[in-house]
Amino acid sequence: MKCPKCQNVDTKVIDSRIIEDGGSIRRRRECEFCEHRFTTFERKWFTELVVIKKDWNKEMYDRQKLKRAIMLACAKRQIDTEEIETMINNLEADWSTEKNEITSKEIGDDVLRALKKLDSVAYVRFASVYKSFDNFWDFKKFID
């Protein structure tokens, strides 16, 4: 693992911990050249998952894209980042066991269900973007 400070490739692992209900490993590392400490994460990669978009185009699943959308919905809420990571891990595990293709609608619906359990405000925020709310009445109809 390359040091982010000096780009040296010789780093050592100081500490490893299992996080996100066993879905990831967090490692503390130290550069053997400049002694800079940094954290890395290790998780299963879902390279085989293909997303079918609304226009029927296909693209590879991008965890970071999904995480950004969820983090935006959860902004300024009392939600721990690890809770979000665990939620995404659980969703990915469900998606990967079923098949290697999934529609963006299935992803959005699954995220909505998971957010509803996690935080009602984040749930409505995500829905407002996912379902393209245009005005107050769209929000009211969704909430009712």
C-alpha atoms as a PDB file:
ATOM      1  CA  MET A   1       0.000   0.000   0.000  1.00  0.00           C
ATOM      2  CA  LYS A   2       1.438   3.345  -1.060  1.00  0.00           C
ATOM      3  CA  CYS A   3       1.903   6.062   1.591  1.00  0.00           C
ATOM      4  CA  PRO A   4      -0.413   8.995   0.776  1.00  0.00           C
ATOM      5  CA  LYS A   5       2.175  11.466   2.076  1.00  0.00           C
ATOM      6  CA  CYS A   6       5.467  10.393   0.471  1.00  0.00           C
ATOM      7  CA  GLN A   7       4.282   7.705  -2.024  1.00  0.00           C
ATOM      8  CA  ASN A   8       6.644   5.107  -0.527  1.00  0.00           C
ATOM      9  CA  VAL A   9       5.378   1.547  -1.091  1.00  0.00           C
ATOM     10  CA  ASP A  10       6.879   0.113   2.098  1.00  0.00           C
ATOM     11  CA  THR A  11       4.199   0.350   4.771  1.00  0.00           C
ATOM     12  CA  LYS A  12       3.391  -1.882   7.695  1.00  0.00           C
ATOM     13  CA  VAL A  13       0.070  -2.792   9.293  1.00  0.00           C
ATOM     14  CA  ILE A  14      -0.153  -1.596  12.897  1.00  0.00           C
ATOM     15  CA  ASP A  15      -3.705  -2.668  13.683  1.00  0.00           C
ATOM     16  CA  SER A  16      -6.541  -4.563  11.926  1.00  0.00           C
ATOM     17  CA  ARG A  17     -10.181  -4.595  12.984  1.00  0.00           C
ATOM     18  CA  ILE A  18     -13.272  -6.211  11.543  1.00  0.00           C
ATOM     19  CA  ILE A  19     -16.022  -3.615  11.037  1.00  0.00           C
ATOM     20  CA  GLU A  20     -19.478  -3.300   9.447  1.00  0.00           C
ATOM     21  CA  ASP A  21     -20.743  -6.603  10.867  1.00  0.00           C
ATOM     22  CA  GLY A  22     -17.826  -8.508   9.371  1.00  0.00           C
ATOM     23  CA  GLY A  23     -18.220  -7.008   5.909  1.00  0.00           C
ATOM     24  CA  SER A  24     -14.967  -5.046   5.987  1.00  0.00           C
ATOM     25  CA  ILE A  25     -11.570  -4.827   7.618  1.00  0.00           C
ATOM     26  CA  ARG A  26     -10.092  -1.518   8.754  1.00  0.00           C
ATOM     27  CA  ARG A  27      -6.298  -1.406   8.856  1.00  0.00           C
ATOM     28  CA  ARG A  28      -4.078   1.233  10.446  1.00  0.00           C
ATOM     29  CA  ARG A  29      -0.812   1.482   8.553  1.00  0.00           C
ATOM     30  CA  GLU A  30       2.467   3.281   9.042  1.00  0.00           C
ATOM     31  CA  CYS A  31       4.954   4.294   6.368  1.00  0.00           C
ATOM     32  CA  GLU A  32       8.371   2.815   7.056  1.00  0.00           C
ATOM     33  CA  PHE A  33      10.053   5.830   5.430  1.00  0.00           C
ATOM     34  CA  CYS A  34       8.269   8.948   6.779  1.00  0.00           C
ATOM     35  CA  GLU A  35       6.311   7.279   9.655  1.00  0.00           C
ATOM     36  CA  HIS A  36       3.031   8.808   8.441  1.00  0.00           C
ATOM     37  CA  ARG A  37      -0.005   6.858   9.704  1.00  0.00           C
ATOM     38  CA  PHE A  38      -3.120   6.278   7.624  1.00  0.00           C
ATOM     39  CA  THR A  39      -6.173   4.015   7.435  1.00  0.00           C
ATOM     40  CA  THR A  40      -7.192   1.611   4.686  1.00  0.00           C
ATOM     41  CA  PHE A  41     -10.349  -0.459   4.266  1.00  0.00           C
ATOM     42  CA  GLU A  42     -10.731  -3.878   2.718  1.00  0.00           C
ATOM     43  CA  ARG A  43     -14.098  -5.201   1.506  1.00  0.00           C
ATOM     44  CA  LYS A  44     -15.526  -7.668  -0.978  1.00  0.00           C
ATOM     45  CA  TRP A  45     -15.710  -6.176  -4.461  1.00  0.00           C
ATOM     46  CA  PHE A  46     -18.834  -6.678  -6.572  1.00  0.00           C
ATOM     47  CA  THR A  47     -17.301  -6.442 -10.027  1.00  0.00           C
ATOM     48  CA  GLU A  48     -19.870  -8.704 -11.626  1.00  0.00           C
ATOM     49  CA  LEU A  49     -22.890  -6.548 -10.763  1.00  0.00           C
ATOM     50  CA  VAL A  50     -24.265  -4.657 -13.780  1.00  0.00           C
ATOM     51  CA  VAL A  51     -26.866  -1.899 -13.423  1.00  0.00           C
ATOM     52  CA  ILE A  52     -29.576  -1.568 -16.067  1.00  0.00           C
ATOM     53  CA  LYS A  53     -30.551   2.112 -16.306  1.00  0.00           C
ATOM     54  CA  LYS A  54     -34.010   3.533 -17.158  1.00  0.00           C
ATOM     55  CA  ASP A  55     -32.969   3.998 -20.804  1.00  0.00           C
ATOM     56  CA  TRP A  56     -31.849   0.311 -20.894  1.00  0.00           C
ATOM     57  CA  ASN A  57     -28.154   1.218 -21.052  1.00  0.00           C
ATOM     58  CA  LYS A  58     -25.949  -0.880 -18.817  1.00  0.00           C
ATOM     59  CA  GLU A  59     -23.086   0.195 -16.586  1.00  0.00           C
ATOM     60  CA  MET A  60     -20.978  -1.427 -13.910  1.00  0.00           C
ATOM     61  CA  TYR A  61     -22.205  -1.020 -10.342  1.00  0.00           C
ATOM     62  CA  ASP A  62     -20.425   1.865  -8.589  1.00  0.00           C
ATOM     63  CA  ARG A  63     -20.499   1.661  -4.788  1.00  0.00           C
ATOM     64  CA  GLN A  64     -19.108   5.176  -4.392  1.00  0.00           C
ATOM     65  CA  LYS A  65     -21.873   6.654  -6.547  1.00  0.00           C
ATOM     66  CA  LEU A  66     -24.516   5.002  -4.378  1.00  0.00           C
ATOM     67  CA  LYS A  67     -22.736   5.985  -1.174  1.00  0.00           C
ATOM     68  CA  ARG A  68     -22.547   9.656  -2.276  1.00  0.00           C
ATOM     69  CA  ALA A  69     -26.304   9.718  -2.905  1.00  0.00           C
ATOM     70  CA  ILE A  70     -27.066   8.142   0.465  1.00  0.00           C
ATOM     71  CA  MET A  71     -24.610  10.403   2.307  1.00  0.00           C
ATOM     72  CA  LEU A  72     -26.250  13.429   0.709  1.00  0.00           C
ATOM     73  CA  ALA A  73     -29.668  12.249   1.906  1.00  0.00           C
ATOM     74  CA  CYS A  74     -28.233  11.684   5.402  1.00  0.00           C
ATOM     75  CA  ALA A  75     -26.404  15.031   5.603  1.00  0.00           C
ATOM     76  CA  LYS A  76     -26.713  16.778   8.973  1.00  0.00           C
ATOM     77  CA  ARG A  77     -28.548  13.805  10.475  1.00  0.00           C
ATOM     78  CA  GLN A  78     -27.342  11.839  13.490  1.00  0.00           C
ATOM     79  CA  ILE A  79     -26.424   8.806  11.405  1.00  0.00           C
ATOM     80  CA  ASP A  80     -23.071   7.125  11.873  1.00  0.00           C
ATOM     81  CA  THR A  81     -21.077   6.486   8.691  1.00  0.00           C
ATOM     82  CA  GLU A  82     -20.630   2.882   9.785  1.00  0.00           C
ATOM     83  CA  GLU A  83     -24.433   2.435   9.803  1.00  0.00           C
ATOM     84  CA  ILE A  84     -24.507   3.593   6.183  1.00  0.00           C
ATOM     85  CA  GLU A  85     -21.637   1.262   5.248  1.00  0.00           C
ATOM     86  CA  THR A  86     -23.428  -1.654   6.916  1.00  0.00           C
ATOM     87  CA  MET A  87     -26.641  -0.795   5.072  1.00  0.00           C
ATOM     88  CA  ILE A  88     -24.813  -0.720   1.720  1.00  0.00           C
ATOM     89  CA  ASN A  89     -23.001  -3.993   2.529  1.00  0.00           C
ATOM     90  CA  ASN A  90     -26.326  -5.681   3.306  1.00  0.00           C
ATOM     91  CA  LEU A  91     -27.898  -4.385   0.109  1.00  0.00           C
ATOM     92  CA  GLU A  92     -24.910  -5.511  -1.974  1.00  0.00           C
ATOM     93  CA  ALA A  93     -25.031  -8.956  -0.380  1.00  0.00           C
ATOM     94  CA  ASP A  94     -28.715  -9.256  -1.317  1.00  0.00           C
ATOM     95  CA  TRP A  95     -28.102  -8.058  -4.870  1.00  0.00           C
ATOM     96  CA  SER A  96     -25.112 -10.306  -5.503  1.00  0.00           C
ATOM     97  CA  THR A  97     -26.841 -13.502  -4.403  1.00  0.00           C
ATOM     98  CA  GLU A  98     -29.822 -13.009  -6.701  1.00  0.00           C
ATOM     99  CA  LYS A  99     -28.177 -12.349 -10.071  1.00  0.00           C
ATOM    100  CA  ASN A 100     -25.415 -10.372 -11.764  1.00  0.00           C
ATOM    101  CA  GLU A 101     -27.728  -7.692 -13.246  1.00  0.00           C
ATOM    102  CA  ILE A 102     -30.038  -5.323 -11.413  1.00  0.00           C
ATOM    103  CA  THR A 103     -32.165  -2.395 -12.526  1.00  0.00           C
ATOM    104  CA  SER A 104     -31.590   1.102 -11.170  1.00  0.00           C
ATOM    105  CA  LYS A 105     -35.241   0.996 -10.056  1.00  0.00           C
ATOM    106  CA  GLU A 106     -34.587  -2.075  -7.900  1.00  0.00           C
ATOM    107  CA  ILE A 107     -31.569  -0.353  -6.366  1.00  0.00           C
ATOM    108  CA  GLY A 108     -33.552   2.820  -5.640  1.00  0.00           C
ATOM    109  CA  ASP A 109     -36.488   0.902  -4.154  1.00  0.00           C
ATOM    110  CA  ASP A 110     -34.188  -1.208  -1.958  1.00  0.00           C
ATOM    111  CA  VAL A 111     -32.316   1.879  -0.732  1.00  0.00           C
ATOM    112  CA  LEU A 112     -35.631   3.580   0.074  1.00  0.00           C
ATOM    113  CA  ARG A 113     -36.751   0.582   2.148  1.00  0.00           C
ATOM    114  CA  ALA A 114     -33.442   0.532   4.024  1.00  0.00           C
ATOM    115  CA  LEU A 115     -33.461   4.300   4.641  1.00  0.00           C
ATOM    116  CA  LYS A 116     -37.040   4.164   5.902  1.00  0.00           C
ATOM    117  CA  LYS A 117     -35.833   1.875   8.711  1.00  0.00           C
ATOM    118  CA  LEU A 118     -32.760   4.030   9.368  1.00  0.00           C
ATOM    119  CA  ASP A 119     -34.037   7.637   9.311  1.00  0.00           C
ATOM    120  CA  SER A 120     -37.329   9.132   8.114  1.00  0.00           C
ATOM    121  CA  VAL A 121     -35.807  12.457   6.997  1.00  0.00           C
ATOM    122  CA  ALA A 122     -33.073  10.763   4.963  1.00  0.00           C
ATOM    123  CA  TYR A 123     -35.780   8.516   3.502  1.00  0.00           C
ATOM    124  CA  VAL A 124     -37.792  11.509   2.236  1.00  0.00           C
ATOM    125  CA  ARG A 125     -34.657  13.325   1.009  1.00  0.00           C
ATOM    126  CA  PHE A 126     -33.524  10.317  -1.019  1.00  0.00           C
ATOM    127  CA  ALA A 127     -37.036   9.812  -2.381  1.00  0.00           C
ATOM    128  CA  SER A 128     -37.237  13.455  -3.491  1.00  0.00           C
ATOM    129  CA  VAL A 129     -34.274  12.964  -5.812  1.00  0.00           C
ATOM    130  CA  TYR A 130     -34.955   9.347  -6.784  1.00  0.00           C
ATOM    131  CA  LYS A 131     -38.599  10.026  -7.644  1.00  0.00           C
ATOM    132  CA  SER A 132     -37.909  13.538  -9.067  1.00  0.00           C
ATOM    133  CA  PHE A 133     -40.220  15.566  -6.843  1.00  0.00           C
ATOM    134  CA  ASP A 134     -41.108  18.867  -8.504  1.00  0.00           C
ATOM    135  CA  ASN A 135     -43.182  20.610  -5.848  1.00  0.00           C
ATOM    136  CA  PHE A 136     -44.677  20.451  -2.374  1.00  0.00           C
ATOM    137  CA  TRP A 137     -47.562  18.246  -3.509  1.00  0.00           C
ATOM    138  CA  ASP A 138     -45.142  15.538  -4.644  1.00  0.00           C
ATOM    139  CA  PHE A 139     -43.671  15.478  -1.119  1.00  0.00           C
ATOM    140  CA  LYS A 140     -47.123  15.434   0.488  1.00  0.00           C
ATOM    141  CA  LYS A 141     -48.368  12.633  -1.754  1.00  0.00           C
ATOM    142  CA  PHE A 142     -45.267  10.549  -1.018  1.00  0.00           C
ATOM    143  CA  ILE A 143     -45.453  11.065   2.748  1.00  0.00           C
ATOM    144  CA  ASP A 144     -49.193  10.320   2.887  1.00  0.00           C
END
